[in-house]
Amino acid sequence: MEEIEISLDSPDGVIDCRLELQKTDEALFYSVTILYPNVVNGYSRSEIFVYNMRQQGNAYVFDMNEDGVHPKVQKLEAQLSHAIMNAK
């Protein structure tokens, strides 16, 4: 399956993202794993977020059938969609 790995800059540090193409009987979608930088007691410990992104029109959006998307991750949606569209 197709994999995309990207790093995004943020005020909190570098965000590492891995997007893996998944296929079901109904559709194709990307499983997105995000390592978001987080400092706890002076130590860097990334927060791990995993969401699905599905195509909607000419973009990819987070699958809202899940329990919601963390607001700081939601802000990355356009950049992640852009990375998927450019990889095709």
Protein backbone atom coordinates (compact mmCIF):
# COMPACT_ATOMS: atom_id res chain seq x y z
CA MET A 1 0.00 0.00 0.00
CA GLU A 2 1.04 3.59 -0.57
CA GLU A 3 2.65 5.39 2.38
CA ILE A 4 3.40 9.09 2.76
CA GLU A 5 5.69 10.42 5.47
CA ILE A 6 5.89 14.14 6.12
CA SER A 7 7.12 16.51 8.81
CA LEU A 8 5.27 19.73 9.55
CA ASP A 9 6.57 22.72 11.48
CA SER A 10 4.49 24.10 14.32
CA PRO A 11 5.04 26.48 17.24
CA ASP A 12 5.28 23.35 19.45
CA GLY A 13 8.02 21.75 17.30
CA VAL A 14 8.20 19.33 14.39
CA ILE A 15 5.11 17.15 13.85
CA ASP A 16 5.86 13.79 12.21
CA CYS A 17 3.03 12.27 10.17
CA ARG A 18 2.60 8.94 8.42
CA LEU A 19 -0.31 8.44 6.04
CA GLU A 20 -1.05 4.87 4.94
CA LEU A 21 -3.48 4.06 2.15
CA GLN A 22 -6.13 1.56 3.27
CA LYS A 23 -8.68 -0.26 1.15
CA THR A 24 -12.03 -1.69 2.21
CA ASP A 25 -14.82 -3.09 0.10
CA GLU A 26 -16.52 0.31 0.17
CA ALA A 27 -13.72 2.81 -0.35
CA LEU A 28 -10.12 3.93 -0.12
CA PHE A 29 -8.98 6.06 2.80
CA TYR A 30 -5.79 7.04 4.59
CA SER A 31 -4.94 6.01 8.13
CA VAL A 32 -3.04 8.97 9.60
CA THR A 33 -0.62 8.57 12.51
CA ILE A 34 0.55 11.86 14.00
CA LEU A 35 3.38 12.28 16.51
CA TYR A 36 2.67 15.70 17.98
CA PRO A 37 5.50 17.22 20.07
CA ASN A 38 4.75 17.61 23.74
CA VAL A 39 7.06 18.54 26.61
CA VAL A 40 6.25 17.05 30.03
CA ASN A 41 8.41 18.02 33.01
CA GLY A 42 11.18 19.12 30.67
CA TYR A 43 11.15 15.87 28.68
CA SER A 44 9.97 15.64 25.10
CA ARG A 45 7.23 13.02 24.79
CA SER A 46 5.20 13.00 21.61
CA GLU A 47 1.44 12.66 21.78
CA ILE A 48 0.22 10.01 19.36
CA PHE A 49 -2.97 10.60 17.39
CA VAL A 50 -4.47 8.17 14.86
CA TYR A 51 -7.33 9.21 12.57
CA ASN A 52 -8.75 8.29 9.19
CA MET A 53 -9.00 10.71 6.28
CA ARG A 54 -11.46 10.18 3.43
CA GLN A 55 -11.78 11.97 0.14
CA GLN A 56 -14.51 14.60 -0.03
CA GLY A 57 -14.61 16.40 -3.34
CA ASN A 58 -11.11 17.61 -4.23
CA ALA A 59 -9.73 17.26 -0.69
CA TYR A 60 -9.24 14.76 2.10
CA VAL A 61 -10.93 15.41 5.45
CA PHE A 62 -10.85 13.73 8.83
CA ASP A 63 -13.50 11.06 9.22
CA MET A 64 -16.03 12.60 11.57
CA ASN A 65 -17.60 9.23 12.35
CA GLU A 66 -14.92 8.92 15.01
CA ASP A 67 -15.11 10.48 18.46
CA GLY A 68 -13.97 13.84 17.16
CA VAL A 69 -10.60 15.22 16.20
CA HIS A 70 -8.36 17.02 18.68
CA PRO A 71 -8.42 20.77 17.84
CA LYS A 72 -4.64 21.05 17.35
CA VAL A 73 -4.76 18.09 14.95
CA GLN A 74 -7.80 19.50 13.14
CA LYS A 75 -5.63 22.50 12.21
CA LEU A 76 -3.38 20.13 10.21
CA GLU A 77 -6.19 18.86 7.97
CA ALA A 78 -5.46 21.16 5.00
CA GLN A 79 -1.71 20.40 5.06
CA LEU A 80 -2.30 16.65 5.26
CA SER A 81 -4.88 16.79 2.47
CA HIS A 82 -2.42 18.73 0.34
CA ALA A 83 0.29 16.09 0.95
CA ILE A 84 -2.09 13.30 -0.14
CA MET A 85 -3.22 15.13 -3.27
CA ASN A 86 0.39 15.92 -4.28
CA ALA A 87 1.45 12.30 -3.80
CA LYS A 88 -1.10 11.00 -6.32
